[in-house]
């Protein structure tokens, strides 16, 4: 296990196929992406989740299915809602063409 994971993705690489969306997003996140009207916003959202979940996976020795990781917001900050990942802090950032995310294991529950 590592203490930090990071990932970056170019947003234009994101494909909005149902297969890809179902592979990456938790069922709660699928409901969120359905509320977006623009393709651009959907790709940004999916890119953010991809980078975030890749960064989370890089922390752990065992692979975690991306669709099992539920990321939402609490106090306007990205938060992982999985109980078993409660000690992981997360940051997601978008900038024109790219999205980056960092996941850090903390000793606090972050709750």
N, C-alpha and C. Protein backbone atom coordinates (compact mmCIF):
# COMPACT_ATOMS: atom_id res chain seq x y z
N UNK A 1 0.84 -1.18 0.00
CA UNK A 1 0.00 0.00 0.00
C UNK A 1 0.89 1.24 0.00
N UNK A 2 0.48 2.22 -0.79
CA UNK A 2 1.19 3.49 -0.88
C UNK A 2 0.39 4.54 -0.12
N UNK A 3 1.01 5.66 0.18
CA UNK A 3 0.31 6.74 0.88
C UNK A 3 -0.33 7.76 -0.05
N UNK A 4 0.09 7.74 -1.32
CA UNK A 4 -0.43 8.74 -2.25
C UNK A 4 -0.57 8.12 -3.64
N UNK A 5 -1.61 8.54 -4.35
CA UNK A 5 -1.82 8.14 -5.73
C UNK A 5 -2.20 9.38 -6.52
N UNK A 6 -1.77 9.46 -7.76
CA UNK A 6 -2.10 10.60 -8.61
C UNK A 6 -2.37 10.11 -10.03
N UNK A 7 -3.27 10.80 -10.72
CA UNK A 7 -3.54 10.46 -12.11
C UNK A 7 -3.96 11.72 -12.86
N UNK A 8 -3.62 11.76 -14.14
CA UNK A 8 -4.00 12.87 -15.01
C UNK A 8 -4.53 12.27 -16.31
N UNK A 9 -5.53 12.91 -16.88
CA UNK A 9 -6.08 12.44 -18.15
C UNK A 9 -6.45 13.64 -19.01
N UNK A 10 -6.25 13.47 -20.31
CA UNK A 10 -6.70 14.48 -21.27
C UNK A 10 -8.18 14.23 -21.53
N UNK A 11 -8.99 15.24 -21.32
CA UNK A 11 -10.45 15.08 -21.37
C UNK A 11 -10.93 14.57 -22.73
N UNK A 12 -10.29 14.97 -23.82
CA UNK A 12 -10.76 14.55 -25.14
C UNK A 12 -10.63 13.04 -25.36
N UNK A 13 -9.87 12.35 -24.52
CA UNK A 13 -9.73 10.90 -24.63
C UNK A 13 -10.96 10.15 -24.10
N UNK A 14 -11.80 10.84 -23.38
CA UNK A 14 -12.97 10.22 -22.76
C UNK A 14 -14.05 9.92 -23.80
N UNK A 15 -14.56 8.70 -23.78
CA UNK A 15 -15.65 8.27 -24.66
C UNK A 15 -16.92 8.13 -23.83
N UNK A 16 -18.02 8.60 -24.34
CA UNK A 16 -19.27 8.58 -23.60
C UNK A 16 -20.15 7.37 -23.95
N UNK A 17 -19.54 6.23 -24.13
CA UNK A 17 -20.34 5.02 -24.40
C UNK A 17 -20.92 4.50 -23.09
N UNK A 18 -22.08 3.86 -23.19
CA UNK A 18 -22.71 3.28 -21.99
C UNK A 18 -21.78 2.26 -21.32
N UNK A 19 -21.08 1.47 -22.12
CA UNK A 19 -20.17 0.46 -21.58
C UNK A 19 -19.08 1.11 -20.72
N UNK A 20 -18.49 2.19 -21.23
CA UNK A 20 -17.43 2.88 -20.49
C UNK A 20 -17.98 3.54 -19.23
N UNK A 21 -19.13 4.20 -19.37
CA UNK A 21 -19.76 4.86 -18.22
C UNK A 21 -20.05 3.85 -17.12
N UNK A 22 -20.61 2.70 -17.48
CA UNK A 22 -20.95 1.68 -16.49
C UNK A 22 -19.72 1.04 -15.86
N UNK A 23 -18.61 1.03 -16.59
CA UNK A 23 -17.35 0.49 -16.06
C UNK A 23 -16.74 1.44 -15.02
N UNK A 24 -16.90 2.74 -15.22
CA UNK A 24 -16.24 3.75 -14.39
C UNK A 24 -17.11 4.23 -13.24
N UNK A 25 -18.38 4.49 -13.49
CA UNK A 25 -19.22 5.19 -12.52
C UNK A 25 -20.02 4.26 -11.61
N UNK A 26 -20.11 4.65 -10.37
CA UNK A 26 -21.01 4.03 -9.39
C UNK A 26 -22.44 4.38 -9.79
N UNK A 27 -23.39 3.59 -9.39
CA UNK A 27 -24.79 3.85 -9.77
C UNK A 27 -25.27 5.25 -9.36
N UNK A 28 -24.80 5.75 -8.22
CA UNK A 28 -25.16 7.11 -7.80
C UNK A 28 -24.58 8.16 -8.75
N UNK A 29 -23.36 7.91 -9.23
CA UNK A 29 -22.70 8.84 -10.16
C UNK A 29 -23.37 8.80 -11.54
N UNK A 30 -23.88 7.65 -11.92
CA UNK A 30 -24.60 7.54 -13.20
C UNK A 30 -25.83 8.43 -13.17
N UNK A 31 -26.49 8.49 -12.03
CA UNK A 31 -27.66 9.37 -11.92
C UNK A 31 -27.25 10.84 -12.06
N UNK A 32 -26.07 11.19 -11.56
CA UNK A 32 -25.58 12.57 -11.66
C UNK A 32 -25.26 12.92 -13.11
N UNK A 33 -24.51 12.05 -13.80
CA UNK A 33 -24.11 12.37 -15.18
C UNK A 33 -25.32 12.50 -16.10
N UNK A 34 -26.40 11.80 -15.79
CA UNK A 34 -27.63 11.90 -16.60
C UNK A 34 -28.27 13.28 -16.51
N UNK A 35 -27.95 14.04 -15.48
CA UNK A 35 -28.54 15.37 -15.33
C UNK A 35 -27.83 16.44 -16.17
N UNK A 36 -26.65 16.13 -16.70
CA UNK A 36 -25.90 17.10 -17.49
C UNK A 36 -26.40 17.11 -18.93
N UNK A 37 -26.57 18.29 -19.49
CA UNK A 37 -27.08 18.43 -20.85
C UNK A 37 -25.99 18.40 -21.91
N UNK A 38 -24.82 18.94 -21.60
CA UNK A 38 -23.79 19.07 -22.64
C UNK A 38 -22.81 17.89 -22.61
N UNK A 39 -22.37 17.53 -23.79
CA UNK A 39 -21.35 16.48 -23.94
C UNK A 39 -20.07 16.90 -23.23
N UNK A 40 -19.72 18.17 -23.35
CA UNK A 40 -18.50 18.69 -22.70
C UNK A 40 -18.55 18.46 -21.20
N UNK A 41 -19.66 18.80 -20.57
CA UNK A 41 -19.78 18.64 -19.11
C UNK A 41 -19.75 17.17 -18.71
N UNK A 42 -20.38 16.32 -19.50
CA UNK A 42 -20.37 14.88 -19.22
C UNK A 42 -18.95 14.33 -19.30
N UNK A 43 -18.19 14.76 -20.32
CA UNK A 43 -16.80 14.29 -20.45
C UNK A 43 -15.93 14.79 -19.31
N UNK A 44 -16.13 16.04 -18.89
CA UNK A 44 -15.37 16.58 -17.76
C UNK A 44 -15.66 15.78 -16.49
N UNK A 45 -16.92 15.49 -16.25
CA UNK A 45 -17.32 14.73 -15.06
C UNK A 45 -16.69 13.34 -15.09
N UNK A 46 -16.81 12.67 -16.23
CA UNK A 46 -16.28 11.32 -16.36
C UNK A 46 -14.75 11.31 -16.25
N UNK A 47 -14.10 12.30 -16.82
CA UNK A 47 -12.64 12.40 -16.72
C UNK A 47 -12.21 12.60 -15.27
N UNK A 48 -12.94 13.43 -14.54
CA UNK A 48 -12.64 13.64 -13.13
C UNK A 48 -12.77 12.37 -12.33
N UNK A 49 -13.84 11.61 -12.59
CA UNK A 49 -14.04 10.35 -11.86
C UNK A 49 -12.97 9.33 -12.25
N UNK A 50 -12.62 9.30 -13.54
CA UNK A 50 -11.57 8.38 -13.99
C UNK A 50 -10.25 8.67 -13.25
N UNK A 51 -9.83 9.94 -13.28
CA UNK A 51 -8.57 10.32 -12.63
C UNK A 51 -8.62 10.04 -11.13
N UNK A 52 -9.75 10.35 -10.51
CA UNK A 52 -9.89 10.14 -9.07
C UNK A 52 -9.79 8.66 -8.73
N UNK A 53 -10.50 7.84 -9.47
CA UNK A 53 -10.52 6.40 -9.16
C UNK A 53 -9.20 5.73 -9.51
N UNK A 54 -8.54 6.19 -10.56
CA UNK A 54 -7.18 5.69 -10.86
C UNK A 54 -6.23 6.05 -9.73
N UNK A 55 -6.34 7.27 -9.21
CA UNK A 55 -5.44 7.67 -8.11
C UNK A 55 -5.73 6.85 -6.85
N UNK A 56 -6.99 6.53 -6.61
CA UNK A 56 -7.35 5.69 -5.46
C UNK A 56 -6.79 4.28 -5.66
N UNK A 57 -6.94 3.73 -6.84
CA UNK A 57 -6.44 2.38 -7.11
C UNK A 57 -4.92 2.28 -6.92
N UNK A 58 -4.21 3.36 -7.20
CA UNK A 58 -2.75 3.34 -7.07
C UNK A 58 -2.29 3.25 -5.62
N UNK A 59 -3.16 3.54 -4.68
CA UNK A 59 -2.81 3.46 -3.27
C UNK A 59 -2.80 2.02 -2.77
N UNK A 60 -3.74 1.23 -3.27
CA UNK A 60 -3.96 -0.11 -2.72
C UNK A 60 -3.30 -1.21 -3.53
N UNK A 61 -2.89 -2.25 -2.84
CA UNK A 61 -2.25 -3.40 -3.49
C UNK A 61 -3.28 -4.21 -4.29
N UNK A 62 -4.49 -4.31 -3.78
CA UNK A 62 -5.54 -5.06 -4.47
C UNK A 62 -6.37 -4.10 -5.31
N UNK A 63 -6.73 -4.54 -6.52
CA UNK A 63 -7.52 -3.71 -7.43
C UNK A 63 -8.95 -3.57 -6.92
N UNK A 64 -9.45 -2.36 -6.97
CA UNK A 64 -10.82 -2.05 -6.58
C UNK A 64 -11.57 -1.69 -7.86
N UNK A 65 -12.71 -2.31 -8.10
CA UNK A 65 -13.51 -1.99 -9.27
C UNK A 65 -13.95 -0.53 -9.21
N UNK A 66 -13.71 0.21 -10.30
CA UNK A 66 -14.04 1.63 -10.32
C UNK A 66 -15.53 1.86 -10.06
N UNK A 67 -16.39 1.01 -10.59
CA UNK A 67 -17.83 1.20 -10.43
C UNK A 67 -18.29 0.97 -9.00
N UNK A 68 -17.44 0.41 -8.17
CA UNK A 68 -17.77 0.20 -6.75
C UNK A 68 -17.40 1.40 -5.88
N UNK A 69 -16.59 2.31 -6.43
CA UNK A 69 -16.16 3.49 -5.68
C UNK A 69 -17.17 4.61 -5.91
N UNK A 70 -17.74 5.12 -4.84
CA UNK A 70 -18.77 6.16 -4.93
C UNK A 70 -18.19 7.49 -4.44
N UNK A 71 -18.03 8.42 -5.37
CA UNK A 71 -17.48 9.74 -5.05
C UNK A 71 -18.61 10.77 -5.18
N UNK A 72 -18.77 11.54 -4.14
CA UNK A 72 -19.74 12.62 -4.14
C UNK A 72 -19.09 13.86 -3.56
N UNK A 73 -19.90 14.75 -3.05
CA UNK A 73 -19.37 15.98 -2.45
C UNK A 73 -19.97 16.19 -1.08
N UNK A 74 -19.12 16.61 -0.17
CA UNK A 74 -19.53 16.98 1.18
C UNK A 74 -18.84 18.29 1.49
N UNK A 75 -19.60 19.30 1.86
CA UNK A 75 -19.04 20.63 2.09
C UNK A 75 -18.23 21.12 0.90
N UNK A 76 -18.75 20.85 -0.30
CA UNK A 76 -18.16 21.28 -1.57
C UNK A 76 -16.79 20.66 -1.85
N UNK A 77 -16.46 19.56 -1.18
CA UNK A 77 -15.19 18.87 -1.40
C UNK A 77 -15.48 17.45 -1.86
N UNK A 78 -14.69 16.94 -2.81
CA UNK A 78 -14.91 15.55 -3.23
C UNK A 78 -14.70 14.61 -2.05
N UNK A 79 -15.63 13.69 -1.91
CA UNK A 79 -15.63 12.77 -0.77
C UNK A 79 -15.93 11.37 -1.26
N UNK A 80 -15.21 10.40 -0.74
CA UNK A 80 -15.46 9.01 -1.05
C UNK A 80 -16.45 8.48 -0.03
N UNK A 81 -17.58 7.95 -0.51
CA UNK A 81 -18.63 7.50 0.39
C UNK A 81 -18.51 6.04 0.80
N UNK A 82 -17.54 5.30 0.27
CA UNK A 82 -17.33 3.92 0.67
C UNK A 82 -16.73 3.87 2.07
N UNK A 83 -17.35 3.13 2.96
CA UNK A 83 -16.87 3.03 4.35
C UNK A 83 -15.45 2.50 4.40
N UNK A 84 -15.14 1.51 3.59
CA UNK A 84 -13.79 0.91 3.62
C UNK A 84 -12.71 1.84 3.09
N UNK A 85 -13.09 2.97 2.48
CA UNK A 85 -12.13 3.94 1.96
C UNK A 85 -12.19 5.26 2.71
N UNK A 86 -12.74 5.23 3.91
CA UNK A 86 -12.97 6.47 4.66
C UNK A 86 -11.68 7.18 5.07
N UNK A 87 -10.56 6.48 5.04
CA UNK A 87 -9.30 7.12 5.41
C UNK A 87 -8.54 7.68 4.20
N UNK A 88 -9.23 7.79 3.06
CA UNK A 88 -8.60 8.34 1.86
C UNK A 88 -9.17 9.73 1.59
N UNK A 89 -8.28 10.70 1.49
CA UNK A 89 -8.66 12.07 1.11
C UNK A 89 -8.44 12.22 -0.39
N UNK A 90 -9.28 13.04 -1.02
CA UNK A 90 -9.27 13.13 -2.48
C UNK A 90 -9.36 14.57 -2.93
N UNK A 91 -8.64 14.89 -4.01
CA UNK A 91 -8.75 16.20 -4.65
C UNK A 91 -8.83 15.98 -6.15
N UNK A 92 -9.74 16.69 -6.79
CA UNK A 92 -9.93 16.61 -8.24
C UNK A 92 -9.86 18.03 -8.81
N UNK A 93 -9.14 18.18 -9.93
CA UNK A 93 -9.03 19.50 -10.53
C UNK A 93 -9.12 19.39 -12.06
N UNK A 94 -9.83 20.35 -12.66
CA UNK A 94 -9.98 20.42 -14.11
C UNK A 94 -9.30 21.69 -14.61
N UNK A 95 -8.68 21.57 -15.80
CA UNK A 95 -8.08 22.75 -16.43
C UNK A 95 -8.14 22.57 -17.94
N UNK A 96 -9.05 23.26 -18.58
CA UNK A 96 -9.26 23.24 -20.03
C UNK A 96 -9.23 21.83 -20.63
N UNK A 97 -8.06 21.30 -20.91
CA UNK A 97 -7.94 20.03 -21.62
C UNK A 97 -7.65 18.84 -20.72
N UNK A 98 -7.34 19.09 -19.45
CA UNK A 98 -6.90 18.01 -18.57
C UNK A 98 -7.68 17.96 -17.26
N UNK A 99 -7.63 16.80 -16.68
CA UNK A 99 -8.19 16.60 -15.35
C UNK A 99 -7.16 15.81 -14.55
N UNK A 100 -6.94 16.21 -13.31
CA UNK A 100 -5.98 15.54 -12.45
C UNK A 100 -6.64 15.26 -11.10
N UNK A 101 -6.22 14.18 -10.47
CA UNK A 101 -6.73 13.85 -9.14
C UNK A 101 -5.61 13.27 -8.29
N UNK A 102 -5.69 13.55 -7.00
CA UNK A 102 -4.74 13.03 -6.02
C UNK A 102 -5.52 12.40 -4.89
N UNK A 103 -5.09 11.21 -4.51
CA UNK A 103 -5.68 10.52 -3.35
C UNK A 103 -4.58 10.28 -2.33
N UNK A 104 -4.88 10.59 -1.09
CA UNK A 104 -3.89 10.46 -0.01
C UNK A 104 -4.52 9.70 1.15
N UNK A 105 -3.79 8.74 1.67
CA UNK A 105 -4.25 8.03 2.86
C UNK A 105 -3.97 8.90 4.06
N UNK A 106 -5.00 9.11 4.87
CA UNK A 106 -4.84 9.90 6.09
C UNK A 106 -5.13 9.02 7.29
N UNK A 107 -4.72 9.47 8.44
CA UNK A 107 -4.99 8.74 9.68
C UNK A 107 -6.35 9.12 10.27
N UNK A 108 -6.97 10.13 9.68
CA UNK A 108 -8.26 10.60 10.16
C UNK A 108 -9.36 9.99 9.30
N UNK A 109 -10.55 9.91 9.86
CA UNK A 109 -11.68 9.39 9.11
C UNK A 109 -12.23 10.43 8.16
N UNK A 110 -11.84 11.68 8.30
CA UNK A 110 -12.29 12.74 7.41
C UNK A 110 -13.75 13.08 7.56
N UNK A 111 -14.41 12.51 8.57
CA UNK A 111 -15.82 12.62 8.70
C UNK A 111 -16.29 13.83 9.37
